[in-house]
Amino acid sequence: MAKKIAVVVRDRQSEALRMAVGIILLDDTIAVFVLDQPVEASEQNQLYLETIADLELETYTNCEENRTMRFLSTPELAKKLLEYDHIVFY
């Protein structure tokens, strides 16, 4: 049975985005939550974000600077996270 997994991105952005792309191989439903800051502009992060978009993973943020992600307020993000079976923090 497929699980719903949320990857919460805070401090180690590249590692978290890489993990989100990697765990798609489990055939579970994956979503990425970027909290409190814009995604760092690096070639590596850009590649991961493009892959996440290609894989059609849901992406959420509470930082308006992350324009390619769905913006939710912090309370809305907290409520959304309750829908997931597993939450992985980075």
C-alpha atoms as a PDB file:
ATOM      1  CA  MET A   1       0.000   0.000   0.000  1.00  0.00           C
ATOM      2  CA  ALA A   2       1.406   3.384  -1.015  1.00  0.00           C
ATOM      3  CA  LYS A   3       2.251   5.812   1.765  1.00  0.00           C
ATOM      4  CA  LYS A   4       2.087   9.595   1.738  1.00  0.00           C
ATOM      5  CA  ILE A   5       5.499  11.052   2.564  1.00  0.00           C
ATOM      6  CA  ALA A   6       6.270  14.724   3.199  1.00  0.00           C
ATOM      7  CA  VAL A   7       9.837  15.999   2.897  1.00  0.00           C
ATOM      8  CA  VAL A   8      10.242  19.195   4.939  1.00  0.00           C
ATOM      9  CA  VAL A   9      13.092  21.379   3.695  1.00  0.00           C
ATOM     10  CA  ARG A  10      14.746  23.832   6.073  1.00  0.00           C
ATOM     11  CA  ASP A  11      18.492  23.834   6.710  1.00  0.00           C
ATOM     12  CA  ARG A  12      20.014  21.264   4.338  1.00  0.00           C
ATOM     13  CA  GLN A  13      18.192  22.191   1.162  1.00  0.00           C
ATOM     14  CA  SER A  14      20.240  20.297  -1.410  1.00  0.00           C
ATOM     15  CA  GLU A  15      20.203  17.119   0.656  1.00  0.00           C
ATOM     16  CA  ALA A  16      16.452  17.379   1.275  1.00  0.00           C
ATOM     17  CA  LEU A  17      15.625  17.977  -2.389  1.00  0.00           C
ATOM     18  CA  ARG A  18      17.890  15.098  -3.431  1.00  0.00           C
ATOM     19  CA  MET A  19      16.123  12.841  -0.920  1.00  0.00           C
ATOM     20  CA  ALA A  20      12.701  13.859  -2.243  1.00  0.00           C
ATOM     21  CA  VAL A  21      13.765  12.890  -5.761  1.00  0.00           C
ATOM     22  CA  GLY A  22      15.348   9.631  -4.573  1.00  0.00           C
ATOM     23  CA  ILE A  23      12.436   8.323  -2.536  1.00  0.00           C
ATOM     24  CA  ILE A  24      10.092   8.573  -5.511  1.00  0.00           C
ATOM     25  CA  LEU A  25      11.490   5.156  -6.398  1.00  0.00           C
ATOM     26  CA  LEU A  26       9.475   3.717  -3.497  1.00  0.00           C
ATOM     27  CA  ASP A  27       6.285   4.320  -5.519  1.00  0.00           C
ATOM     28  CA  ASP A  28       4.784   6.345  -2.680  1.00  0.00           C
ATOM     29  CA  THR A  29       3.144   9.761  -2.872  1.00  0.00           C
ATOM     30  CA  ILE A  30       5.797  12.392  -2.153  1.00  0.00           C
ATOM     31  CA  ALA A  31       5.362  16.109  -1.422  1.00  0.00           C
ATOM     32  CA  VAL A  32       7.990  18.741  -0.708  1.00  0.00           C
ATOM     33  CA  PHE A  33       7.483  21.498   1.880  1.00  0.00           C
ATOM     34  CA  VAL A  34      10.017  24.361   1.831  1.00  0.00           C
ATOM     35  CA  LEU A  35       9.766  26.350   5.052  1.00  0.00           C
ATOM     36  CA  ASP A  36      10.697  29.897   6.028  1.00  0.00           C
ATOM     37  CA  GLN A  37      13.237  30.712   3.293  1.00  0.00           C
ATOM     38  CA  PRO A  38      13.720  30.767  -0.457  1.00  0.00           C
ATOM     39  CA  VAL A  39      15.444  27.851  -2.114  1.00  0.00           C
ATOM     40  CA  GLU A  40      19.130  28.657  -2.518  1.00  0.00           C
ATOM     41  CA  ALA A  41      20.070  29.501  -6.099  1.00  0.00           C
ATOM     42  CA  SER A  42      22.525  26.738  -6.967  1.00  0.00           C
ATOM     43  CA  GLU A  43      22.920  24.546 -10.015  1.00  0.00           C
ATOM     44  CA  GLN A  44      22.299  21.457  -7.905  1.00  0.00           C
ATOM     45  CA  ASN A  45      19.079  22.808  -6.366  1.00  0.00           C
ATOM     46  CA  GLN A  46      17.855  23.923  -9.785  1.00  0.00           C
ATOM     47  CA  LEU A  47      18.365  20.420 -11.174  1.00  0.00           C
ATOM     48  CA  TYR A  48      16.473  18.862  -8.251  1.00  0.00           C
ATOM     49  CA  LEU A  49      13.606  21.352  -8.594  1.00  0.00           C
ATOM     50  CA  GLU A  50      13.345  20.656 -12.332  1.00  0.00           C
ATOM     51  CA  THR A  51      13.264  16.918 -11.636  1.00  0.00           C
ATOM     52  CA  ILE A  52      10.599  17.423  -8.951  1.00  0.00           C
ATOM     53  CA  ALA A  53       8.518  19.399 -11.458  1.00  0.00           C
ATOM     54  CA  ASP A  54       9.031  16.727 -14.147  1.00  0.00           C
ATOM     55  CA  LEU A  55       7.900  14.038 -11.698  1.00  0.00           C
ATOM     56  CA  GLU A  56       4.876  16.201 -10.847  1.00  0.00           C
ATOM     57  CA  LEU A  57       5.499  16.109  -7.111  1.00  0.00           C
ATOM     58  CA  GLU A  58       3.459  18.538  -5.056  1.00  0.00           C
ATOM     59  CA  THR A  59       5.493  21.435  -3.659  1.00  0.00           C
ATOM     60  CA  TYR A  60       4.411  23.820  -0.909  1.00  0.00           C
ATOM     61  CA  THR A  61       6.050  26.794   0.789  1.00  0.00           C
ATOM     62  CA  ASN A  62       5.348  29.539   3.281  1.00  0.00           C
ATOM     63  CA  CYS A  63       7.910  31.815   1.587  1.00  0.00           C
ATOM     64  CA  GLU A  64       6.461  33.948  -1.199  1.00  0.00           C
ATOM     65  CA  GLU A  65       9.858  34.102  -2.949  1.00  0.00           C
ATOM     66  CA  ASN A  66       9.475  30.431  -3.977  1.00  0.00           C
ATOM     67  CA  ARG A  67       7.233  31.326  -6.897  1.00  0.00           C
ATOM     68  CA  THR A  68       7.113  27.884  -8.522  1.00  0.00           C
ATOM     69  CA  MET A  69       5.616  26.330  -5.383  1.00  0.00           C
ATOM     70  CA  ARG A  70       2.129  26.564  -3.972  1.00  0.00           C
ATOM     71  CA  PHE A  71       2.078  29.181  -1.207  1.00  0.00           C
ATOM     72  CA  LEU A  72       0.368  28.288   2.070  1.00  0.00           C
ATOM     73  CA  SER A  73       0.501  30.151   5.360  1.00  0.00           C
ATOM     74  CA  THR A  74       2.301  28.446   8.233  1.00  0.00           C
ATOM     75  CA  PRO A  75      -0.976  27.296   9.885  1.00  0.00           C
ATOM     76  CA  GLU A  76      -2.186  25.955   6.519  1.00  0.00           C
ATOM     77  CA  LEU A  77       1.099  24.064   6.066  1.00  0.00           C
ATOM     78  CA  ALA A  78       0.750  22.545   9.524  1.00  0.00           C
ATOM     79  CA  LYS A  79      -2.765  21.379   8.692  1.00  0.00           C
ATOM     80  CA  LYS A  80      -1.605  19.980   5.330  1.00  0.00           C
ATOM     81  CA  LEU A  81       1.197  17.975   6.996  1.00  0.00           C
ATOM     82  CA  LEU A  82      -1.423  16.100   9.035  1.00  0.00           C
ATOM     83  CA  GLU A  83      -2.474  14.346   5.809  1.00  0.00           C
ATOM     84  CA  TYR A  84       0.862  12.492   5.526  1.00  0.00           C
ATOM     85  CA  ASP A  85       1.841   9.095   6.923  1.00  0.00           C
ATOM     86  CA  HIS A  86       5.538   9.982   7.260  1.00  0.00           C
ATOM     87  CA  ILE A  87       7.311  13.320   7.586  1.00  0.00           C
ATOM     88  CA  VAL A  88      11.032  13.577   6.878  1.00  0.00           C
ATOM     89  CA  PHE A  89      12.725  16.744   8.215  1.00  0.00           C
ATOM     90  CA  TYR A  90      15.920  18.245   6.824  1.00  0.00           C
END
